[in-house]
Amino acid sequence: SDNVTGMKELLEYIYSRGHRKIAYIHGAMPAVDLGTIIQLYRTAERLGLEIPDEYIREAAYRDTTTTYRVTNELLDLPDHDSIIYPDDFASFGGINAIRQRGLQIPEDISVAGYDGIQAARQLEPRLTTVQQDTEQIGCLAARELISLIERPKTTIIEQVIVPGKVAEGKSVARIPTDN
């Protein structure tokens, strides 16, 4: 999946909705794609956003326990209006933390995930996320695997990047801005 472009488009979408104080919980190192974090900072810089270091946190992918804890830490900080999670499943822990504090999504804080899993489409409000083209990813991976099995000495392993797209849910509020 093209996580670098996906992060750019997700941050641009959140920005277009008026958000200027954006926190990001990224996947745990070293599994995280550093390109995704770099792209977050590049896009923020291009948009004129400052993302304070304390707004960037880490949690393992698919780890609802840590995202619950880290979300509570972020909610204790002043002045942020949205949180991006490392994946949709991990966002469930953060959403639980937000709701247990009596806050509403997106009225009090906006959230976005990444991956576009089916379960995230069942949430209310529906999660804004980057929808990965898992069918295309699977087809390409299967084709490469078959080639490797059938022609192990002549198959060149190539990295193929499949773009995703922002799936606009209802979890990112529109905030009026002056600019």
Protein backbone atom coordinates (compact mmCIF):
# COMPACT_ATOMS: atom_id res chain seq x y z
CA SER A 1 0.00 0.00 0.00
CA ASP A 2 1.22 3.48 -0.78
CA ASN A 3 1.31 4.66 2.82
CA VAL A 4 3.34 7.77 2.02
CA THR A 5 0.79 9.18 -0.41
CA GLY A 6 -2.02 7.93 1.82
CA MET A 7 -0.69 9.95 4.77
CA LYS A 8 -0.32 13.04 2.59
CA GLU A 9 -3.90 12.79 1.36
CA LEU A 10 -5.30 12.03 4.82
CA LEU A 11 -3.55 14.99 6.42
CA GLU A 12 -4.63 17.26 3.55
CA TYR A 13 -8.22 16.09 4.01
CA ILE A 14 -8.17 16.73 7.76
CA TYR A 15 -6.61 20.16 7.12
CA SER A 16 -9.27 20.95 4.50
CA ARG A 17 -11.89 20.34 7.18
CA GLY A 18 -10.35 23.16 9.26
CA HIS A 19 -8.16 21.19 11.65
CA ARG A 20 -4.89 22.81 12.64
CA LYS A 21 -3.88 20.97 15.85
CA ILE A 22 -3.36 17.40 14.72
CA ALA A 23 -1.91 14.57 16.80
CA TYR A 24 -0.57 11.35 15.27
CA ILE A 25 -0.11 7.95 16.84
CA HIS A 26 2.20 6.00 14.54
CA GLY A 27 2.98 2.30 14.47
CA ALA A 28 5.74 0.95 16.69
CA MET A 29 9.32 1.07 15.45
CA PRO A 30 10.84 -0.61 13.51
CA ALA A 31 7.64 -1.91 11.86
CA VAL A 32 6.48 1.60 11.03
CA ASP A 33 7.20 2.96 7.60
CA LEU A 34 9.45 5.95 8.33
CA GLY A 35 8.35 7.41 5.01
CA THR A 36 4.87 7.82 6.46
CA ILE A 37 6.15 9.87 9.41
CA ILE A 38 8.39 11.94 7.15
CA GLN A 39 5.45 12.57 4.84
CA LEU A 40 3.33 13.73 7.80
CA TYR A 41 5.97 16.34 8.63
CA ARG A 42 6.50 17.36 4.99
CA THR A 43 2.80 17.80 4.38
CA ALA A 44 2.37 19.68 7.66
CA GLU A 45 5.24 22.00 6.72
CA ARG A 46 3.78 22.64 3.27
CA LEU A 47 0.39 23.42 4.85
CA GLY A 48 1.97 25.69 7.46
CA LEU A 49 1.06 23.40 10.34
CA GLU A 50 3.24 23.00 13.38
CA ILE A 51 2.99 19.59 14.98
CA PRO A 52 4.54 19.69 18.47
CA ASP A 53 6.68 16.69 19.42
CA GLU A 54 4.31 15.79 22.26
CA TYR A 55 1.52 15.30 19.67
CA ILE A 56 3.44 12.43 18.07
CA ARG A 57 3.14 9.12 19.91
CA GLU A 58 3.78 5.45 19.26
CA ALA A 59 1.64 2.33 19.57
CA ALA A 60 1.99 -1.08 17.96
CA TYR A 61 -0.28 -1.76 15.04
CA ARG A 62 -3.61 -3.33 16.05
CA ASP A 63 -2.90 -2.56 19.73
CA THR A 64 -6.08 -1.16 21.27
CA THR A 65 -4.68 -1.25 24.80
CA THR A 66 -1.79 1.07 24.01
CA THR A 67 -3.86 3.40 21.83
CA TYR A 68 -6.35 3.66 24.70
CA ARG A 69 -3.54 4.72 27.06
CA VAL A 70 -1.82 7.02 24.56
CA THR A 71 -5.11 8.66 23.62
CA ASN A 72 -5.71 9.46 27.28
CA GLU A 73 -2.22 11.00 27.43
CA LEU A 74 -3.01 13.10 24.35
CA LEU A 75 -6.36 14.16 25.79
CA ASP A 76 -4.51 15.46 28.86
CA LEU A 77 -2.56 17.84 26.59
CA PRO A 78 -4.08 21.19 25.71
CA ASP A 79 -5.21 22.43 22.37
CA HIS A 80 -5.51 19.66 19.80
CA ASP A 81 -8.53 18.98 17.65
CA SER A 82 -7.89 15.63 15.98
CA ILE A 83 -5.97 12.36 16.28
CA ILE A 84 -4.77 10.13 13.45
CA TYR A 85 -4.33 6.46 14.42
CA PRO A 86 -1.83 3.99 12.94
CA ASP A 87 -4.61 1.70 11.72
CA ASP A 88 -8.37 1.38 11.98
CA PHE A 89 -8.29 -1.46 14.50
CA ALA A 90 -5.97 0.47 16.84
CA SER A 91 -8.33 3.46 16.62
CA PHE A 92 -10.95 1.44 18.53
CA GLY A 93 -8.89 1.78 21.72
CA GLY A 94 -8.60 5.53 21.22
CA ILE A 95 -12.30 5.88 20.46
CA ASN A 96 -13.10 4.04 23.70
CA ALA A 97 -10.84 6.40 25.66
CA ILE A 98 -12.50 9.43 24.08
CA ARG A 99 -16.00 8.16 24.82
CA GLN A 100 -15.14 7.15 28.40
CA ARG A 101 -14.20 10.77 29.03
CA GLY A 102 -17.65 11.80 27.91
CA LEU A 103 -16.37 13.38 24.70
CA GLN A 104 -18.14 13.04 21.38
CA ILE A 105 -16.66 12.29 17.98
CA PRO A 106 -16.42 14.52 15.94
CA GLU A 107 -18.06 17.30 17.96
CA ASP A 108 -15.32 17.41 20.64
CA ILE A 109 -12.45 15.73 18.80
CA SER A 110 -12.02 14.28 15.34
CA VAL A 111 -10.39 10.92 14.65
CA ALA A 112 -9.09 9.16 11.56
CA GLY A 113 -7.71 5.70 10.98
CA TYR A 114 -5.81 3.93 8.26
CA ASP A 115 -6.54 0.76 6.26
CA GLY A 116 -10.27 0.85 5.60
CA ILE A 117 -11.19 -2.38 7.40
CA GLN A 118 -14.80 -3.54 7.30
CA ALA A 119 -15.30 -3.21 11.07
CA ALA A 120 -14.47 0.52 10.91
CA ARG A 121 -17.35 1.01 8.46
CA GLN A 122 -19.73 -0.25 11.14
CA LEU A 123 -18.75 2.40 13.72
CA GLU A 124 -20.97 5.33 14.47
CA PRO A 125 -19.88 7.81 13.40
CA ARG A 126 -18.30 6.00 10.46
CA LEU A 127 -14.51 6.28 10.67
CA THR A 128 -12.65 8.48 8.20
CA THR A 129 -9.74 6.38 6.96
CA VAL A 130 -7.44 5.61 4.06
CA GLN A 131 -9.06 2.75 2.19
CA GLN A 132 -6.37 0.40 0.93
CA ASP A 133 -7.05 -1.54 -2.26
CA THR A 134 -6.62 -4.94 -0.62
CA GLU A 135 -8.00 -6.78 -3.63
CA GLN A 136 -5.36 -5.26 -5.92
CA ILE A 137 -2.63 -5.80 -3.32
CA GLY A 138 -3.68 -9.46 -2.97
CA CYS A 139 -3.79 -10.02 -6.74
CA LEU A 140 -0.34 -8.54 -7.25
CA ALA A 141 1.11 -10.50 -4.32
CA ALA A 142 -0.43 -13.75 -5.61
CA ARG A 143 0.93 -13.13 -9.10
CA GLU A 144 4.43 -12.50 -7.73
CA LEU A 145 4.25 -15.58 -5.49
CA ILE A 146 3.13 -17.82 -8.36
CA SER A 147 5.96 -16.49 -10.50
CA LEU A 148 8.44 -17.14 -7.70
CA ILE A 149 7.16 -20.71 -7.28
CA GLU A 150 7.07 -21.48 -11.00
CA ARG A 151 10.28 -19.65 -11.95
CA PRO A 152 12.39 -19.29 -8.79
CA LYS A 153 15.66 -18.65 -10.66
CA THR A 154 14.34 -15.96 -13.00
CA THR A 155 11.80 -14.07 -10.92
CA ILE A 156 12.90 -10.65 -9.78
CA ILE A 157 11.22 -9.57 -6.56
CA GLU A 158 9.92 -6.06 -7.11
CA GLN A 159 8.24 -3.65 -4.78
CA VAL A 160 4.86 -2.72 -6.19
CA ILE A 161 3.03 0.18 -4.61
CA VAL A 162 -0.76 0.26 -4.76
CA PRO A 163 -2.46 3.58 -4.01
CA GLY A 164 -5.32 3.88 -1.55
CA LYS A 165 -7.84 6.67 -1.18
CA VAL A 166 -9.31 8.71 1.64
CA ALA A 167 -12.69 7.29 2.61
CA GLU A 168 -14.59 10.21 4.06
CA GLY A 169 -16.47 9.04 7.09
CA LYS A 170 -18.22 11.15 9.69
CA SER A 171 -15.45 11.14 12.32
CA VAL A 172 -13.71 14.33 11.12
CA ALA A 173 -15.68 17.50 11.82
CA ARG A 174 -15.68 20.61 9.68
CA ILE A 175 -14.21 23.45 11.71
CA PRO A 176 -14.70 27.02 10.43
CA THR A 177 -11.37 28.73 9.68
CA ASP A 178 -10.22 32.22 8.77
CA ASN A 179 -7.98 30.94 5.97
